[in-house]
Amino acid sequence: MCLGMRTTLDLDDALLAEARRRAGEQGTTLTAVIEQALAAAFAPPVRTGKPFRLAWRPRRGRFLGGVDIADRDALYETMEGRR
């Protein structure tokens, strides 16, 4: 059995009350509830399903010469046919 390190924490009253309530419901200690919560918070995220993969669907277009892609407004105007 690992005794661990003792420390003092300043917790929000409502949060502490909820942790104590859960410990009572689960028939365990406040320390165990806080340890479980910290372990869950620091655990790596669980990946579900397949990773997202972008379906790239290029479309035919035409060259629009003289478009400054650094000028967002001008680029949008050109793309929308306002130029």
PDB file of N, CA and C in Angstrom:
ATOM      1  N   MET A   1       0.841  -1.183   0.000  1.00  0.00           N
ATOM      2  CA  MET A   1       0.000   0.000   0.000  1.00  0.00           C
ATOM      3  C   MET A   1       0.881   1.239   0.000  1.00  0.00           C
ATOM      4  N   CYS A   2       0.628   2.119  -0.923  1.00  0.00           N
ATOM      5  CA  CYS A   2       1.391   3.359  -1.029  1.00  0.00           C
ATOM      6  C   CYS A   2       0.682   4.438  -0.225  1.00  0.00           C
ATOM      7  N   LEU A   3       1.392   5.036   0.707  1.00  0.00           N
ATOM      8  CA  LEU A   3       0.781   6.065   1.536  1.00  0.00           C
ATOM      9  C   LEU A   3       0.689   7.400   0.823  1.00  0.00           C
ATOM     10  N   GLY A   4       1.555   7.624  -0.144  1.00  0.00           N
ATOM     11  CA  GLY A   4       1.490   8.871  -0.902  1.00  0.00           C
ATOM     12  C   GLY A   4       1.969  10.063  -0.111  1.00  0.00           C
ATOM     13  N   MET A   5       1.744  11.216  -0.679  1.00  0.00           N
ATOM     14  CA  MET A   5       2.201  12.463  -0.093  1.00  0.00           C
ATOM     15  C   MET A   5       1.013  13.229   0.478  1.00  0.00           C
ATOM     16  N   ARG A   6       1.203  13.800   1.611  1.00  0.00           N
ATOM     17  CA  ARG A   6       0.156  14.624   2.214  1.00  0.00           C
ATOM     18  C   ARG A   6       0.313  16.051   1.714  1.00  0.00           C
ATOM     19  N   THR A   7      -0.810  16.695   1.474  1.00  0.00           N
ATOM     20  CA  THR A   7      -0.783  18.076   1.007  1.00  0.00           C
ATOM     21  C   THR A   7      -2.052  18.772   1.452  1.00  0.00           C
ATOM     22  N   THR A   8      -2.054  20.066   1.351  1.00  0.00           N
ATOM     23  CA  THR A   8      -3.234  20.860   1.701  1.00  0.00           C
ATOM     24  C   THR A   8      -3.724  21.548   0.443  1.00  0.00           C
ATOM     25  N   LEU A   9      -5.036  21.474   0.210  1.00  0.00           N
ATOM     26  CA  LEU A   9      -5.636  22.112  -0.946  1.00  0.00           C
ATOM     27  C   LEU A   9      -6.749  23.040  -0.499  1.00  0.00           C
ATOM     28  N   ASP A  10      -6.913  24.148  -1.191  1.00  0.00           N
ATOM     29  CA  ASP A  10      -8.054  25.032  -0.985  1.00  0.00           C
ATOM     30  C   ASP A  10      -9.035  24.751  -2.106  1.00  0.00           C
ATOM     31  N   LEU A  11     -10.161  24.113  -1.770  1.00  0.00           N
ATOM     32  CA  LEU A  11     -11.150  23.722  -2.767  1.00  0.00           C
ATOM     33  C   LEU A  11     -12.419  24.539  -2.597  1.00  0.00           C
ATOM     34  N   ASP A  12     -13.114  24.719  -3.694  1.00  0.00           N
ATOM     35  CA  ASP A  12     -14.415  25.362  -3.666  1.00  0.00           C
ATOM     36  C   ASP A  12     -15.333  24.542  -2.757  1.00  0.00           C
ATOM     37  N   ASP A  13     -16.119  25.215  -1.903  1.00  0.00           N
ATOM     38  CA  ASP A  13     -16.980  24.525  -0.948  1.00  0.00           C
ATOM     39  C   ASP A  13     -17.963  23.574  -1.626  1.00  0.00           C
ATOM     40  N   ALA A  14     -18.581  24.022  -2.728  1.00  0.00           N
ATOM     41  CA  ALA A  14     -19.561  23.182  -3.412  1.00  0.00           C
ATOM     42  C   ALA A  14     -18.886  21.956  -4.035  1.00  0.00           C
ATOM     43  N   LEU A  15     -17.690  22.139  -4.575  1.00  0.00           N
ATOM     44  CA  LEU A  15     -16.946  21.036  -5.176  1.00  0.00           C
ATOM     45  C   LEU A  15     -16.550  20.011  -4.112  1.00  0.00           C
ATOM     46  N   LEU A  16     -16.095  20.483  -2.982  1.00  0.00           N
ATOM     47  CA  LEU A  16     -15.723  19.591  -1.887  1.00  0.00           C
ATOM     48  C   LEU A  16     -16.939  18.835  -1.367  1.00  0.00           C
ATOM     49  N   ALA A  17     -18.069  19.518  -1.247  1.00  0.00           N
ATOM     50  CA  ALA A  17     -19.292  18.860  -0.789  1.00  0.00           C
ATOM     51  C   ALA A  17     -19.712  17.760  -1.763  1.00  0.00           C
ATOM     52  N   GLU A  18     -19.603  18.030  -3.064  1.00  0.00           N
ATOM     53  CA  GLU A  18     -19.950  17.020  -4.075  1.00  0.00           C
ATOM     54  C   GLU A  18     -18.999  15.829  -3.992  1.00  0.00           C
ATOM     55  N   ALA A  19     -17.714  16.079  -3.786  1.00  0.00           N
ATOM     56  CA  ALA A  19     -16.741  14.991  -3.668  1.00  0.00           C
ATOM     57  C   ALA A  19     -17.029  14.152  -2.428  1.00  0.00           C
ATOM     58  N   ARG A  20     -17.361  14.783  -1.326  1.00  0.00           N
ATOM     59  CA  ARG A  20     -17.702  14.041  -0.103  1.00  0.00           C
ATOM     60  C   ARG A  20     -18.971  13.222  -0.304  1.00  0.00           C
ATOM     61  N   ARG A  21     -19.964  13.798  -0.997  1.00  0.00           N
ATOM     62  CA  ARG A  21     -21.215  13.086  -1.252  1.00  0.00           C
ATOM     63  C   ARG A  21     -20.940  11.830  -2.087  1.00  0.00           C
ATOM     64  N   ARG A  22     -20.119  11.992  -3.135  1.00  0.00           N
ATOM     65  CA  ARG A  22     -19.786  10.838  -3.984  1.00  0.00           C
ATOM     66  C   ARG A  22     -19.020   9.769  -3.214  1.00  0.00           C
ATOM     67  N   ALA A  23     -18.122  10.207  -2.362  1.00  0.00           N
ATOM     68  CA  ALA A  23     -17.375   9.236  -1.552  1.00  0.00           C
ATOM     69  C   ALA A  23     -18.339   8.440  -0.682  1.00  0.00           C
ATOM     70  N   GLY A  24     -19.316   9.104  -0.099  1.00  0.00           N
ATOM     71  CA  GLY A  24     -20.306   8.411   0.723  1.00  0.00           C
ATOM     72  C   GLY A  24     -21.144   7.451  -0.094  1.00  0.00           C
ATOM     73  N   GLU A  25     -21.573   7.884  -1.285  1.00  0.00           N
ATOM     74  CA  GLU A  25     -22.370   7.020  -2.163  1.00  0.00           C
ATOM     75  C   GLU A  25     -21.596   5.780  -2.584  1.00  0.00           C
ATOM     76  N   GLN A  26     -20.315   5.956  -2.856  1.00  0.00           N
ATOM     77  CA  GLN A  26     -19.477   4.859  -3.350  1.00  0.00           C
ATOM     78  C   GLN A  26     -18.884   4.026  -2.218  1.00  0.00           C
ATOM     79  N   GLY A  27     -19.072   4.486  -0.987  1.00  0.00           N
ATOM     80  CA  GLY A  27     -18.510   3.768   0.157  1.00  0.00           C
ATOM     81  C   GLY A  27     -16.998   3.778   0.160  1.00  0.00           C
ATOM     82  N   THR A  28     -16.420   4.906  -0.237  1.00  0.00           N
ATOM     83  CA  THR A  28     -14.965   5.033  -0.311  1.00  0.00           C
ATOM     84  C   THR A  28     -14.549   6.328   0.386  1.00  0.00           C
ATOM     85  N   THR A  29     -13.288   6.643   0.305  1.00  0.00           N
ATOM     86  CA  THR A  29     -12.781   7.834   0.983  1.00  0.00           C
ATOM     87  C   THR A  29     -12.778   9.041   0.056  1.00  0.00           C
ATOM     88  N   LEU A  30     -12.735  10.209   0.667  1.00  0.00           N
ATOM     89  CA  LEU A  30     -12.611  11.449  -0.100  1.00  0.00           C
ATOM     90  C   LEU A  30     -11.312  11.433  -0.908  1.00  0.00           C
ATOM     91  N   THR A  31     -10.254  10.919  -0.320  1.00  0.00           N
ATOM     92  CA  THR A  31      -8.975  10.823  -1.021  1.00  0.00           C
ATOM     93  C   THR A  31      -9.110   9.987  -2.291  1.00  0.00           C
ATOM     94  N   ALA A  32      -9.795   8.862  -2.205  1.00  0.00           N
ATOM     95  CA  ALA A  32      -9.960   7.986  -3.368  1.00  0.00           C
ATOM     96  C   ALA A  32     -10.754   8.688  -4.469  1.00  0.00           C
ATOM     97  N   VAL A  33     -11.784   9.427  -4.097  1.00  0.00           N
ATOM     98  CA  VAL A  33     -12.582  10.148  -5.096  1.00  0.00           C
ATOM     99  C   VAL A  33     -11.736  11.201  -5.792  1.00  0.00           C
ATOM    100  N   ILE A  34     -10.952  11.944  -5.030  1.00  0.00           N
ATOM    101  CA  ILE A  34     -10.105  12.989  -5.612  1.00  0.00           C
ATOM    102  C   ILE A  34      -9.009  12.362  -6.481  1.00  0.00           C
ATOM    103  N   GLU A  35      -8.426  11.246  -6.033  1.00  0.00           N
ATOM    104  CA  GLU A  35      -7.414  10.570  -6.843  1.00  0.00           C
ATOM    105  C   GLU A  35      -8.008  10.087  -8.168  1.00  0.00           C
ATOM    106  N   GLN A  36      -9.216   9.522  -8.129  1.00  0.00           N
ATOM    107  CA  GLN A  36      -9.871   9.059  -9.354  1.00  0.00           C
ATOM    108  C   GLN A  36     -10.143  10.228 -10.300  1.00  0.00           C
ATOM    109  N   ALA A  37     -10.589  11.351  -9.749  1.00  0.00           N
ATOM    110  CA  ALA A  37     -10.882  12.520 -10.578  1.00  0.00           C
ATOM    111  C   ALA A  37      -9.610  13.062 -11.230  1.00  0.00           C
ATOM    112  N   LEU A  38      -8.526  13.120 -10.478  1.00  0.00           N
ATOM    113  CA  LEU A  38      -7.259  13.599 -11.037  1.00  0.00           C
ATOM    114  C   LEU A  38      -6.729  12.634 -12.094  1.00  0.00           C
ATOM    115  N   ALA A  39      -6.833  11.337 -11.831  1.00  0.00           N
ATOM    116  CA  ALA A  39      -6.365  10.349 -12.805  1.00  0.00           C
ATOM    117  C   ALA A  39      -7.159  10.474 -14.102  1.00  0.00           C
ATOM    118  N   ALA A  40      -8.470  10.679 -14.003  1.00  0.00           N
ATOM    119  CA  ALA A  40      -9.304  10.834 -15.199  1.00  0.00           C
ATOM    120  C   ALA A  40      -8.954  12.121 -15.948  1.00  0.00           C
ATOM    121  N   ALA A  41      -8.676  13.185 -15.206  1.00  0.00           N
ATOM    122  CA  ALA A  41      -8.354  14.471 -15.832  1.00  0.00           C
ATOM    123  C   ALA A  41      -7.024  14.421 -16.572  1.00  0.00           C
ATOM    124  N   PHE A  42      -6.083  13.627 -16.076  1.00  0.00           N
ATOM    125  CA  PHE A  42      -4.749  13.575 -16.680  1.00  0.00           C
ATOM    126  C   PHE A  42      -4.579  12.416 -17.658  1.00  0.00           C
ATOM    127  N   ALA A  43      -5.574  11.565 -17.774  1.00  0.00           N
ATOM    128  CA  ALA A  43      -5.481  10.422 -18.693  1.00  0.00           C
ATOM    129  C   ALA A  43      -5.518  10.921 -20.133  1.00  0.00           C
ATOM    130  N   PRO A  44      -4.796  10.254 -21.018  1.00  0.00           N
ATOM    131  CA  PRO A  44      -4.860  10.649 -22.431  1.00  0.00           C
ATOM    132  C   PRO A  44      -6.272  10.420 -22.973  1.00  0.00           C
ATOM    133  N   PRO A  45      -6.701  11.238 -23.922  1.00  0.00           N
ATOM    134  CA  PRO A  45      -8.054  11.072 -24.458  1.00  0.00           C
ATOM    135  C   PRO A  45      -8.220   9.717 -25.137  1.00  0.00           C
ATOM    136  N   VAL A  46      -9.400   9.161 -24.981  1.00  0.00           N
ATOM    137  CA  VAL A  46      -9.700   7.874 -25.601  1.00  0.00           C
ATOM    138  C   VAL A  46     -10.177   8.128 -27.020  1.00  0.00           C
ATOM    139  N   ARG A  47      -9.510   7.520 -27.977  1.00  0.00           N
ATOM    140  CA  ARG A  47      -9.898   7.682 -29.377  1.00  0.00           C
ATOM    141  C   ARG A  47     -10.935   6.634 -29.721  1.00  0.00           C
ATOM    142  N   THR A  48     -11.994   7.091 -30.347  1.00  0.00           N
ATOM    143  CA  THR A  48     -13.039   6.169 -30.762  1.00  0.00           C
ATOM    144  C   THR A  48     -13.185   6.219 -32.275  1.00  0.00           C
ATOM    145  N   GLY A  49     -13.437   5.091 -32.852  1.00  0.00           N
ATOM    146  CA  GLY A  49     -13.653   5.048 -34.299  1.00  0.00           C
ATOM    147  C   GLY A  49     -12.382   5.288 -35.084  1.00  0.00           C
ATOM    148  N   LYS A  50     -12.576   5.433 -36.366  1.00  0.00           N
ATOM    149  CA  LYS A  50     -11.460   5.666 -37.266  1.00  0.00           C
ATOM    150  C   LYS A  50     -11.083   7.147 -37.245  1.00  0.00           C
ATOM    151  N   PRO A  51      -9.821   7.455 -37.442  1.00  0.00           N
ATOM    152  CA  PRO A  51      -9.423   8.861 -37.491  1.00  0.00           C
ATOM    153  C   PRO A  51     -10.052   9.563 -38.689  1.00  0.00           C
ATOM    154  N   PHE A  52     -10.293  10.843 -38.531  1.00  0.00           N
ATOM    155  CA  PHE A  52     -10.893  11.633 -39.606  1.00  0.00           C
ATOM    156  C   PHE A  52      -9.935  11.705 -40.782  1.00  0.00           C
ATOM    157  N   ARG A  53     -10.467  11.550 -41.949  1.00  0.00           N
ATOM    158  CA  ARG A  53      -9.660  11.661 -43.164  1.00  0.00           C
ATOM    159  C   ARG A  53     -10.420  12.547 -44.143  1.00  0.00           C
ATOM    160  N   LEU A  54      -9.793  13.612 -44.563  1.00  0.00           N
ATOM    161  CA  LEU A  54     -10.404  14.558 -45.482  1.00  0.00           C
ATOM    162  C   LEU A  54     -10.499  13.943 -46.871  1.00  0.00           C
ATOM    163  N   ALA A  55     -11.685  13.971 -47.429  1.00  0.00           N
ATOM    164  CA  ALA A  55     -11.873  13.483 -48.797  1.00  0.00           C
ATOM    165  C   ALA A  55     -11.646  14.666 -49.736  1.00  0.00           C
ATOM    166  N   TRP A  56     -10.486  14.702 -50.328  1.00  0.00           N
ATOM    167  CA  TRP A  56     -10.110  15.823 -51.197  1.00  0.00           C
ATOM    168  C   TRP A  56     -10.761  15.620 -52.555  1.00  0.00           C
ATOM    169  N   ARG A  57     -11.586  16.567 -52.955  1.00  0.00           N
ATOM    170  CA  ARG A  57     -12.264  16.477 -54.249  1.00  0.00           C
ATOM    171  C   ARG A  57     -11.970  17.732 -55.060  1.00  0.00           C
ATOM    172  N   PRO A  58     -10.863  17.725 -55.753  1.00  0.00           N
ATOM    173  CA  PRO A  58     -10.538  18.915 -56.551  1.00  0.00           C
ATOM    174  C   PRO A  58     -11.538  19.083 -57.694  1.00  0.00           C
ATOM    175  N   ARG A  59     -11.809  20.307 -57.998  1.00  0.00           N
ATOM    176  CA  ARG A  59     -12.719  20.619 -59.102  1.00  0.00           C
ATOM    177  C   ARG A  59     -11.944  21.381 -60.164  1.00  0.00           C
ATOM    178  N   ARG A  60     -12.420  21.246 -61.363  1.00  0.00           N
ATOM    179  CA  ARG A  60     -11.769  21.990 -62.434  1.00  0.00           C
ATOM    180  C   ARG A  60     -12.081  23.464 -62.273  1.00  0.00           C
ATOM    181  N   GLY A  61     -11.096  24.232 -62.478  1.00  0.00           N
ATOM    182  CA  GLY A  61     -11.270  25.671 -62.387  1.00  0.00           C
ATOM    183  C   GLY A  61     -10.477  26.345 -63.474  1.00  0.00           C
ATOM    184  N   ARG A  62     -10.331  27.625 -63.334  1.00  0.00           N
ATOM    185  CA  ARG A  62      -9.555  28.352 -64.327  1.00  0.00           C
ATOM    186  C   ARG A  62      -8.585  29.267 -63.602  1.00  0.00           C
ATOM    187  N   PHE A  63      -7.523  29.586 -64.266  1.00  0.00           N
ATOM    188  CA  PHE A  63      -6.516  30.444 -63.695  1.00  0.00           C
ATOM    189  C   PHE A  63      -7.038  31.871 -63.638  1.00  0.00           C
ATOM    190  N   LEU A  64      -6.933  32.483 -62.478  1.00  0.00           N
ATOM    191  CA  LEU A  64      -7.344  33.874 -62.307  1.00  0.00           C
ATOM    192  C   LEU A  64      -6.082  34.689 -62.055  1.00  0.00           C
ATOM    193  N   GLY A  65      -5.503  35.173 -63.110  1.00  0.00           N
ATOM    194  CA  GLY A  65      -4.264  35.927 -62.996  1.00  0.00           C
ATOM    195  C   GLY A  65      -4.460  37.244 -62.255  1.00  0.00           C
ATOM    196  N   GLY A  66      -3.412  37.692 -61.649  1.00  0.00           N
ATOM    197  CA  GLY A  66      -3.429  38.981 -60.965  1.00  0.00           C
ATOM    198  C   GLY A  66      -4.150  38.979 -59.630  1.00  0.00           C
ATOM    199  N   VAL A  67      -4.426  37.823 -59.058  1.00  0.00           N
ATOM    200  CA  VAL A  67      -5.108  37.746 -57.761  1.00  0.00           C
ATOM    201  C   VAL A  67      -4.062  37.731 -56.667  1.00  0.00           C
ATOM    202  N   ASP A  68      -4.176  38.681 -55.765  1.00  0.00           N
ATOM    203  CA  ASP A  68      -3.275  38.740 -54.623  1.00  0.00           C
ATOM    204  C   ASP A  68      -3.918  37.944 -53.496  1.00  0.00           C
ATOM    205  N   ILE A  69      -3.410  36.724 -53.248  1.00  0.00           N
ATOM    206  CA  ILE A  69      -4.043  35.880 -52.237  1.00  0.00           C
ATOM    207  C   ILE A  69      -3.834  36.401 -50.818  1.00  0.00           C
ATOM    208  N   ALA A  70      -2.957  37.379 -50.653  1.00  0.00           N
ATOM    209  CA  ALA A  70      -2.764  37.992 -49.343  1.00  0.00           C
ATOM    210  C   ALA A  70      -3.874  39.002 -49.043  1.00  0.00           C
ATOM    211  N   ASP A  71      -4.601  39.426 -50.073  1.00  0.00           N
ATOM    212  CA  ASP A  71      -5.703  40.380 -49.901  1.00  0.00           C
ATOM    213  C   ASP A  71      -7.013  39.592 -49.921  1.00  0.00           C
ATOM    214  N   ARG A  72      -7.476  39.246 -48.747  1.00  0.00           N
ATOM    215  CA  ARG A  72      -8.650  38.383 -48.616  1.00  0.00           C
ATOM    216  C   ARG A  72      -9.877  38.947 -49.312  1.00  0.00           C
ATOM    217  N   ASP A  73     -10.152  40.209 -49.112  1.00  0.00           N
ATOM    218  CA  ASP A  73     -11.336  40.817 -49.713  1.00  0.00           C
ATOM    219  C   ASP A  73     -11.269  40.788 -51.235  1.00  0.00           C
ATOM    220  N   ALA A  74     -10.098  41.110 -51.782  1.00  0.00           N
ATOM    221  CA  ALA A  74      -9.938  41.086 -53.235  1.00  0.00           C
ATOM    222  C   ALA A  74     -10.074  39.652 -53.764  1.00  0.00           C
ATOM    223  N   LEU A  75      -9.565  38.689 -53.030  1.00  0.00           N
ATOM    224  CA  LEU A  75      -9.671  37.301 -53.432  1.00  0.00           C
ATOM    225  C   LEU A  75     -11.135  36.866 -53.474  1.00  0.00           C
ATOM    226  N   TYR A  76     -11.895  37.193 -52.436  1.00  0.00           N
ATOM    227  CA  TYR A  76     -13.320  36.846 -52.418  1.00  0.00           C
ATOM    228  C   TYR A  76     -14.081  37.520 -53.553  1.00  0.00           C
ATOM    229  N   GLU A  77     -13.786  38.790 -53.800  1.00  0.00           N
ATOM    230  CA  GLU A  77     -14.451  39.497 -54.881  1.00  0.00           C
ATOM    231  C   GLU A  77     -14.175  38.823 -56.218  1.00  0.00           C
ATOM    232  N   THR A  78     -12.939  38.417 -56.447  1.00  0.00           N
ATOM    233  CA  THR A  78     -12.581  37.739 -57.678  1.00  0.00           C
ATOM    234  C   THR A  78     -13.271  36.390 -57.781  1.00  0.00           C
ATOM    235  N   MET A  79     -13.295  35.634 -56.696  1.00  0.00           N
ATOM    236  CA  MET A  79     -13.927  34.321 -56.705  1.00  0.00           C
ATOM    237  C   MET A  79     -15.429  34.424 -56.942  1.00  0.00           C
ATOM    238  N   GLU A  80     -16.036  35.496 -56.462  1.00  0.00           N
ATOM    239  CA  GLU A  80     -17.484  35.659 -56.610  1.00  0.00           C
ATOM    240  C   GLU A  80     -17.849  36.392 -57.879  1.00  0.00           C
ATOM    241  N   GLY A  81     -16.858  36.701 -58.692  1.00  0.00           N
ATOM    242  CA  GLY A  81     -17.122  37.336 -59.985  1.00  0.00           C
ATOM    243  C   GLY A  81     -17.449  38.815 -59.916  1.00  0.00           C
ATOM    244  N   ARG A  82     -17.088  39.471 -58.841  1.00  0.00           N
ATOM    245  CA  ARG A  82     -17.363  40.897 -58.707  1.00  0.00           C
ATOM    246  C   ARG A  82     -16.230  41.766 -59.221  1.00  0.00           C
ATOM    247  N   ARG A  83     -15.178  41.145 -59.734  1.00  0.00           N
ATOM    248  CA  ARG A  83     -14.020  41.896 -60.229  1.00  0.00           C
ATOM    249  C   ARG A  83     -13.809  41.621 -61.666  1.00  0.00           C
TER     250      ARG A  83
END
